[in-house]
Amino acid sequence: MSLVRFYTTSGCHLCDQALALLDPVARRRGLRIECIDIMDDPAAEAAYATAIPVVACDAREGVLRWPFDTASLYRYLP
């Protein structure tokens, strides 16, 4: 099962919206979601502090930054 990293933080309403889109797409693709709170990861905080929510997948180059929709997730995720 491939891994999708979802960069988020507590109290982020956009992150809640993004996860609601990501979860069903990941399930259909057989992907596991790892939620990473950027406040617990200094490198992630430095990279994404003003960009969350962000989706990253090792099988793809780059990341998918908000705003995105279901169609964007299907195009990005393997």
PDB file of N, CA and C in Angstrom:
ATOM      1  N   MET A   1       0.847  -1.179   0.000  1.00  0.00           N
ATOM      2  CA  MET A   1       0.000   0.000   0.000  1.00  0.00           C
ATOM      3  C   MET A   1       0.891   1.241   0.000  1.00  0.00           C
ATOM      4  N   SER A   2       0.703   2.110  -0.956  1.00  0.00           N
ATOM      5  CA  SER A   2       1.485   3.341  -1.055  1.00  0.00           C
ATOM      6  C   SER A   2       1.057   4.338   0.009  1.00  0.00           C
ATOM      7  N   LEU A   3       1.965   5.241   0.306  1.00  0.00           N
ATOM      8  CA  LEU A   3       1.747   6.223   1.360  1.00  0.00           C
ATOM      9  C   LEU A   3       1.562   7.614   0.767  1.00  0.00           C
ATOM     10  N   VAL A   4       0.577   8.324   1.286  1.00  0.00           N
ATOM     11  CA  VAL A   4       0.339   9.725   0.949  1.00  0.00           C
ATOM     12  C   VAL A   4       0.538  10.522   2.231  1.00  0.00           C
ATOM     13  N   ARG A   5       1.377  11.542   2.168  1.00  0.00           N
ATOM     14  CA  ARG A   5       1.580  12.401   3.336  1.00  0.00           C
ATOM     15  C   ARG A   5       0.682  13.628   3.204  1.00  0.00           C
ATOM     16  N   PHE A   6      -0.051  13.903   4.278  1.00  0.00           N
ATOM     17  CA  PHE A   6      -0.961  15.045   4.312  1.00  0.00           C
ATOM     18  C   PHE A   6      -0.453  15.997   5.381  1.00  0.00           C
ATOM     19  N   TYR A   7       0.053  17.151   4.956  1.00  0.00           N
ATOM     20  CA  TYR A   7       0.603  18.141   5.880  1.00  0.00           C
ATOM     21  C   TYR A   7      -0.516  19.057   6.341  1.00  0.00           C
ATOM     22  N   THR A   8      -0.645  19.191   7.656  1.00  0.00           N
ATOM     23  CA  THR A   8      -1.770  19.870   8.272  1.00  0.00           C
ATOM     24  C   THR A   8      -1.330  20.485   9.593  1.00  0.00           C
ATOM     25  N   THR A   9      -2.260  21.075  10.312  1.00  0.00           N
ATOM     26  CA  THR A   9      -2.049  21.477  11.702  1.00  0.00           C
ATOM     27  C   THR A   9      -3.410  21.611  12.355  1.00  0.00           C
ATOM     28  N   SER A  10      -3.427  21.601  13.661  1.00  0.00           N
ATOM     29  CA  SER A  10      -4.708  21.668  14.369  1.00  0.00           C
ATOM     30  C   SER A  10      -5.357  23.035  14.168  1.00  0.00           C
ATOM     31  N   GLY A  11      -6.674  23.025  14.093  1.00  0.00           N
ATOM     32  CA  GLY A  11      -7.428  24.260  13.933  1.00  0.00           C
ATOM     33  C   GLY A  11      -7.461  24.804  12.520  1.00  0.00           C
ATOM     34  N   CYS A  12      -6.986  24.049  11.564  1.00  0.00           N
ATOM     35  CA  CYS A  12      -6.947  24.495  10.164  1.00  0.00           C
ATOM     36  C   CYS A  12      -8.211  24.018   9.455  1.00  0.00           C
ATOM     37  N   HIS A  13      -9.164  24.924   9.250  1.00  0.00           N
ATOM     38  CA  HIS A  13     -10.425  24.518   8.617  1.00  0.00           C
ATOM     39  C   HIS A  13     -10.227  24.128   7.151  1.00  0.00           C
ATOM     40  N   LEU A  14      -9.269  24.725   6.479  1.00  0.00           N
ATOM     41  CA  LEU A  14      -8.978  24.326   5.100  1.00  0.00           C
ATOM     42  C   LEU A  14      -8.427  22.900   5.056  1.00  0.00           C
ATOM     43  N   CYS A  15      -7.648  22.550   6.074  1.00  0.00           N
ATOM     44  CA  CYS A  15      -7.113  21.191   6.157  1.00  0.00           C
ATOM     45  C   CYS A  15      -8.239  20.183   6.341  1.00  0.00           C
ATOM     46  N   ASP A  16      -9.232  20.539   7.143  1.00  0.00           N
ATOM     47  CA  ASP A  16     -10.392  19.658   7.331  1.00  0.00           C
ATOM     48  C   ASP A  16     -11.113  19.438   6.004  1.00  0.00           C
ATOM     49  N   GLN A  17     -11.286  20.503   5.241  1.00  0.00           N
ATOM     50  CA  GLN A  17     -11.941  20.391   3.931  1.00  0.00           C
ATOM     51  C   GLN A  17     -11.114  19.525   2.984  1.00  0.00           C
ATOM     52  N   ALA A  18      -9.814  19.748   2.993  1.00  0.00           N
ATOM     53  CA  ALA A  18      -8.928  19.002   2.098  1.00  0.00           C
ATOM     54  C   ALA A  18      -8.910  17.514   2.445  1.00  0.00           C
ATOM     55  N   LEU A  19      -8.870  17.200   3.731  1.00  0.00           N
ATOM     56  CA  LEU A  19      -8.855  15.800   4.143  1.00  0.00           C
ATOM     57  C   LEU A  19     -10.157  15.104   3.769  1.00  0.00           C
ATOM     58  N   ALA A  20     -11.261  15.829   3.837  1.00  0.00           N
ATOM     59  CA  ALA A  20     -12.555  15.262   3.432  1.00  0.00           C
ATOM     60  C   ALA A  20     -12.558  14.909   1.943  1.00  0.00           C
ATOM     61  N   LEU A  21     -11.814  15.637   1.133  1.00  0.00           N
ATOM     62  CA  LEU A  21     -11.667  15.314  -0.292  1.00  0.00           C
ATOM     63  C   LEU A  21     -10.669  14.175  -0.501  1.00  0.00           C
ATOM     64  N   LEU A  22      -9.570  14.226   0.239  1.00  0.00           N
ATOM     65  CA  LEU A  22      -8.485  13.264   0.062  1.00  0.00           C
ATOM     66  C   LEU A  22      -8.862  11.857   0.499  1.00  0.00           C
ATOM     67  N   ASP A  23      -9.533  11.728   1.619  1.00  0.00           N
ATOM     68  CA  ASP A  23      -9.794  10.410   2.202  1.00  0.00           C
ATOM     69  C   ASP A  23     -10.489   9.446   1.233  1.00  0.00           C
ATOM     70  N   PRO A  24     -11.609   9.824   0.610  1.00  0.00           N
ATOM     71  CA  PRO A  24     -12.255   8.857  -0.290  1.00  0.00           C
ATOM     72  C   PRO A  24     -11.428   8.530  -1.538  1.00  0.00           C
ATOM     73  N   VAL A  25     -10.673   9.491  -2.039  1.00  0.00           N
ATOM     74  CA  VAL A  25      -9.831   9.236  -3.214  1.00  0.00           C
ATOM     75  C   VAL A  25      -8.714   8.255  -2.841  1.00  0.00           C
ATOM     76  N   ALA A  26      -8.088   8.484  -1.695  1.00  0.00           N
ATOM     77  CA  ALA A  26      -7.021   7.589  -1.244  1.00  0.00           C
ATOM     78  C   ALA A  26      -7.551   6.176  -1.028  1.00  0.00           C
ATOM     79  N   ARG A  27      -8.729   6.059  -0.446  1.00  0.00           N
ATOM     80  CA  ARG A  27      -9.320   4.728  -0.232  1.00  0.00           C
ATOM     81  C   ARG A  27      -9.552   4.014  -1.563  1.00  0.00           C
ATOM     82  N   ARG A  28     -10.099   4.724  -2.533  1.00  0.00           N
ATOM     83  CA  ARG A  28     -10.366   4.113  -3.846  1.00  0.00           C
ATOM     84  C   ARG A  28      -9.076   3.672  -4.542  1.00  0.00           C
ATOM     85  N   ARG A  29      -8.004   4.412  -4.295  1.00  0.00           N
ATOM     86  CA  ARG A  29      -6.721   4.082  -4.918  1.00  0.00           C
ATOM     87  C   ARG A  29      -5.900   3.096  -4.078  1.00  0.00           C
ATOM     88  N   GLY A  30      -6.394   2.728  -2.897  1.00  0.00           N
ATOM     89  CA  GLY A  30      -5.656   1.810  -2.030  1.00  0.00           C
ATOM     90  C   GLY A  30      -4.433   2.440  -1.398  1.00  0.00           C
ATOM     91  N   LEU A  31      -4.522   3.729  -1.091  1.00  0.00           N
ATOM     92  CA  LEU A  31      -3.408   4.471  -0.506  1.00  0.00           C
ATOM     93  C   LEU A  31      -3.650   4.707   0.981  1.00  0.00           C
ATOM     94  N   ARG A  32      -2.567   4.709   1.743  1.00  0.00           N
ATOM     95  CA  ARG A  32      -2.641   5.006   3.171  1.00  0.00           C
ATOM     96  C   ARG A  32      -2.247   6.469   3.378  1.00  0.00           C
ATOM     97  N   ILE A  33      -3.001   7.179   4.219  1.00  0.00           N
ATOM     98  CA  ILE A  33      -2.729   8.589   4.500  1.00  0.00           C
ATOM     99  C   ILE A  33      -1.979   8.706   5.820  1.00  0.00           C
ATOM    100  N   GLU A  34      -0.864   9.421   5.793  1.00  0.00           N
ATOM    101  CA  GLU A  34      -0.140   9.770   7.008  1.00  0.00           C
ATOM    102  C   GLU A  34      -0.334  11.269   7.227  1.00  0.00           C
ATOM    103  N   CYS A  35      -1.021  11.632   8.306  1.00  0.00           N
ATOM    104  CA  CYS A  35      -1.230  13.044   8.631  1.00  0.00           C
ATOM    105  C   CYS A  35      -0.031  13.539   9.428  1.00  0.00           C
ATOM    106  N   ILE A  36       0.570  14.608   8.952  1.00  0.00           N
ATOM    107  CA  ILE A  36       1.751  15.176   9.592  1.00  0.00           C
ATOM    108  C   ILE A  36       1.419  16.589  10.040  1.00  0.00           C
ATOM    109  N   ASP A  37       1.445  16.805  11.348  1.00  0.00           N
ATOM    110  CA  ASP A  37       1.223  18.143  11.897  1.00  0.00           C
ATOM    111  C   ASP A  37       2.529  18.917  11.749  1.00  0.00           C
ATOM    112  N   ILE A  38       2.503  19.978  10.979  1.00  0.00           N
ATOM    113  CA  ILE A  38       3.742  20.717  10.705  1.00  0.00           C
ATOM    114  C   ILE A  38       4.349  21.312  11.972  1.00  0.00           C
ATOM    115  N   MET A  39       3.550  21.490  13.019  1.00  0.00           N
ATOM    116  CA  MET A  39       4.084  22.036  14.266  1.00  0.00           C
ATOM    117  C   MET A  39       4.959  21.016  14.997  1.00  0.00           C
ATOM    118  N   ASP A  40       4.845  19.744  14.632  1.00  0.00           N
ATOM    119  CA  ASP A  40       5.653  18.682  15.237  1.00  0.00           C
ATOM    120  C   ASP A  40       6.855  18.309  14.384  1.00  0.00           C
ATOM    121  N   ASP A  41       7.021  18.944  13.241  1.00  0.00           N
ATOM    122  CA  ASP A  41       8.076  18.594  12.294  1.00  0.00           C
ATOM    123  C   ASP A  41       8.711  19.886  11.775  1.00  0.00           C
ATOM    124  N   PRO A  42       9.861  20.287  12.337  1.00  0.00           N
ATOM    125  CA  PRO A  42      10.478  21.563  11.950  1.00  0.00           C
ATOM    126  C   PRO A  42      10.728  21.708  10.445  1.00  0.00           C
ATOM    127  N   ALA A  43      11.118  20.638   9.780  1.00  0.00           N
ATOM    128  CA  ALA A  43      11.363  20.727   8.334  1.00  0.00           C
ATOM    129  C   ALA A  43      10.059  20.973   7.585  1.00  0.00           C
ATOM    130  N   ALA A  44       8.999  20.295   7.998  1.00  0.00           N
ATOM    131  CA  ALA A  44       7.693  20.498   7.362  1.00  0.00           C
ATOM    132  C   ALA A  44       7.170  21.899   7.646  1.00  0.00           C
ATOM    133  N   GLU A  45       7.380  22.376   8.863  1.00  0.00           N
ATOM    134  CA  GLU A  45       6.935  23.735   9.195  1.00  0.00           C
ATOM    135  C   GLU A  45       7.661  24.756   8.325  1.00  0.00           C
ATOM    136  N   ALA A  46       8.961  24.576   8.156  1.00  0.00           N
ATOM    137  CA  ALA A  46       9.734  25.507   7.330  1.00  0.00           C
ATOM    138  C   ALA A  46       9.262  25.477   5.878  1.00  0.00           C
ATOM    139  N   ALA A  47       8.923  24.301   5.394  1.00  0.00           N
ATOM    140  CA  ALA A  47       8.529  24.159   3.991  1.00  0.00           C
ATOM    141  C   ALA A  47       7.094  24.585   3.719  1.00  0.00           C
ATOM    142  N   TYR A  48       6.180  24.329   4.673  1.00  0.00           N
ATOM    143  CA  TYR A  48       4.755  24.460   4.374  1.00  0.00           C
ATOM    144  C   TYR A  48       3.966  25.358   5.328  1.00  0.00           C
ATOM    145  N   ALA A  49       4.623  26.130   6.164  1.00  0.00           N
ATOM    146  CA  ALA A  49       3.922  26.923   7.183  1.00  0.00           C
ATOM    147  C   ALA A  49       2.812  27.792   6.604  1.00  0.00           C
ATOM    148  N   THR A  50       3.030  28.350   5.437  1.00  0.00           N
ATOM    149  CA  THR A  50       2.010  29.222   4.839  1.00  0.00           C
ATOM    150  C   THR A  50       1.302  28.556   3.664  1.00  0.00           C
ATOM    151  N   ALA A  51       1.500  27.249   3.507  1.00  0.00           N
ATOM    152  CA  ALA A  51       0.960  26.574   2.329  1.00  0.00           C
ATOM    153  C   ALA A  51      -0.031  25.456   2.644  1.00  0.00           C
ATOM    154  N   ILE A  52      -0.186  25.088   3.920  1.00  0.00           N
ATOM    155  CA  ILE A  52      -1.050  23.942   4.225  1.00  0.00           C
ATOM    156  C   ILE A  52      -2.492  24.252   3.885  1.00  0.00           C
ATOM    157  N   PRO A  53      -3.233  23.235   3.521  1.00  0.00           N
ATOM    158  CA  PRO A  53      -2.905  21.821   3.439  1.00  0.00           C
ATOM    159  C   PRO A  53      -2.111  21.469   2.181  1.00  0.00           C
ATOM    160  N   VAL A  54      -1.253  20.464   2.338  1.00  0.00           N
ATOM    161  CA  VAL A  54      -0.404  19.997   1.245  1.00  0.00           C
ATOM    162  C   VAL A  54      -0.449  18.474   1.212  1.00  0.00           C
ATOM    163  N   VAL A  55      -0.519  17.911   0.014  1.00  0.00           N
ATOM    164  CA  VAL A  55      -0.492  16.464  -0.190  1.00  0.00           C
ATOM    165  C   VAL A  55       0.810  16.122  -0.907  1.00  0.00           C
ATOM    166  N   ALA A  56       1.503  15.094  -0.418  1.00  0.00           N
ATOM    167  CA  ALA A  56       2.744  14.646  -1.047  1.00  0.00           C
ATOM    168  C   ALA A  56       2.719  13.130  -1.184  1.00  0.00           C
ATOM    169  N   CYS A  57       3.263  12.652  -2.290  1.00  0.00           N
ATOM    170  CA  CYS A  57       3.304  11.215  -2.554  1.00  0.00           C
ATOM    171  C   CYS A  57       4.659  10.896  -3.181  1.00  0.00           C
ATOM    172  N   ASP A  58       5.356   9.902  -2.635  1.00  0.00           N
ATOM    173  CA  ASP A  58       6.675   9.543  -3.156  1.00  0.00           C
ATOM    174  C   ASP A  58       6.633   9.106  -4.610  1.00  0.00           C
ATOM    175  N   ALA A  59       5.492   8.602  -5.044  1.00  0.00           N
ATOM    176  CA  ALA A  59       5.362   8.120  -6.421  1.00  0.00           C
ATOM    177  C   ALA A  59       5.232   9.261  -7.436  1.00  0.00           C
ATOM    178  N   ARG A  60       5.121  10.480  -6.958  1.00  0.00           N
ATOM    179  CA  ARG A  60       4.956  11.644  -7.838  1.00  0.00           C
ATOM    180  C   ARG A  60       6.002  12.710  -7.511  1.00  0.00           C
ATOM    181  N   GLU A  61       6.348  13.497  -8.507  1.00  0.00           N
ATOM    182  CA  GLU A  61       7.232  14.637  -8.268  1.00  0.00           C
ATOM    183  C   GLU A  61       6.406  15.786  -7.727  1.00  0.00           C
ATOM    184  N   GLY A  62       7.011  16.586  -6.884  1.00  0.00           N
ATOM    185  CA  GLY A  62       6.344  17.761  -6.350  1.00  0.00           C
ATOM    186  C   GLY A  62       5.242  17.407  -5.365  1.00  0.00           C
ATOM    187  N   VAL A  63       4.487  18.419  -4.994  1.00  0.00           N
ATOM    188  CA  VAL A  63       3.388  18.267  -4.045  1.00  0.00           C
ATOM    189  C   VAL A  63       2.141  18.900  -4.640  1.00  0.00           C
ATOM    190  N   LEU A  64       1.019  18.572  -4.037  1.00  0.00           N
ATOM    191  CA  LEU A  64      -0.253  19.172  -4.429  1.00  0.00           C
ATOM    192  C   LEU A  64      -0.648  20.146  -3.327  1.00  0.00           C
ATOM    193  N   ARG A  65      -0.707  21.425  -3.675  1.00  0.00           N
ATOM    194  CA  ARG A  65      -1.015  22.480  -2.698  1.00  0.00           C
ATOM    195  C   ARG A  65      -2.468  22.914  -2.823  1.00  0.00           C
ATOM    196  N   TRP A  66      -3.025  23.328  -1.711  1.00  0.00           N
ATOM    197  CA  TRP A  66      -4.382  23.869  -1.670  1.00  0.00           C
ATOM    198  C   TRP A  66      -4.410  25.178  -2.430  1.00  0.00           C
ATOM    199  N   PRO A  67      -5.443  25.478  -3.176  1.00  0.00           N
ATOM    200  CA  PRO A  67      -6.695  24.739  -3.298  1.00  0.00           C
ATOM    201  C   PRO A  67      -6.598  23.638  -4.355  1.00  0.00           C
ATOM    202  N   PHE A  68      -7.212  22.497  -4.041  1.00  0.00           N
ATOM    203  CA  PHE A  68      -7.340  21.416  -5.006  1.00  0.00           C
ATOM    204  C   PHE A  68      -8.727  20.807  -4.871  1.00  0.00           C
ATOM    205  N   ASP A  69      -9.110  20.056  -5.888  1.00  0.00           N
ATOM    206  CA  ASP A  69     -10.417  19.402  -5.874  1.00  0.00           C
ATOM    207  C   ASP A  69     -10.221  17.907  -6.101  1.00  0.00           C
ATOM    208  N   THR A  70     -11.321  17.185  -6.137  1.00  0.00           N
ATOM    209  CA  THR A  70     -11.259  15.737  -6.311  1.00  0.00           C
ATOM    210  C   THR A  70     -10.560  15.362  -7.615  1.00  0.00           C
ATOM    211  N   ALA A  71     -10.862  16.069  -8.690  1.00  0.00           N
ATOM    212  CA  ALA A  71     -10.229  15.773  -9.980  1.00  0.00           C
ATOM    213  C   ALA A  71      -8.715  15.959  -9.898  1.00  0.00           C
ATOM    214  N   SER A  72      -8.261  16.995  -9.221  1.00  0.00           N
ATOM    215  CA  SER A  72      -6.821  17.231  -9.053  1.00  0.00           C
ATOM    216  C   SER A  72      -6.169  16.091  -8.275  1.00  0.00           C
ATOM    217  N   LEU A  73      -6.861  15.613  -7.243  1.00  0.00           N
ATOM    218  CA  LEU A  73      -6.336  14.495  -6.457  1.00  0.00           C
ATOM    219  C   LEU A  73      -6.209  13.241  -7.312  1.00  0.00           C
ATOM    220  N   TYR A  74      -7.220  12.956  -8.128  1.00  0.00           N
ATOM    221  CA  TYR A  74      -7.151  11.782  -9.004  1.00  0.00           C
ATOM    222  C   TYR A  74      -6.005  11.898 -10.002  1.00  0.00           C
ATOM    223  N   ARG A  75      -5.744  13.101 -10.502  1.00  0.00           N
ATOM    224  CA  ARG A  75      -4.628  13.291 -11.439  1.00  0.00           C
ATOM    225  C   ARG A  75      -3.283  13.139 -10.735  1.00  0.00           C
ATOM    226  N   TYR A  76      -3.176  13.626  -9.511  1.00  0.00           N
ATOM    227  CA  TYR A  76      -1.899  13.629  -8.800  1.00  0.00           C
ATOM    228  C   TYR A  76      -1.546  12.272  -8.194  1.00  0.00           C
ATOM    229  N   LEU A  77      -2.519  11.607  -7.587  1.00  0.00           N
ATOM    230  CA  LEU A  77      -2.229  10.372  -6.861  1.00  0.00           C
ATOM    231  C   LEU A  77      -2.097   9.186  -7.807  1.00  0.00           C
ATOM    232  N   PRO A  78      -1.199   8.253  -7.459  1.00  0.00           N
ATOM    233  CA  PRO A  78      -1.010   7.077  -8.330  1.00  0.00           C
ATOM    234  C   PRO A  78      -2.201   6.129  -8.271  1.00  0.00           C
TER     235      PRO A  78
END
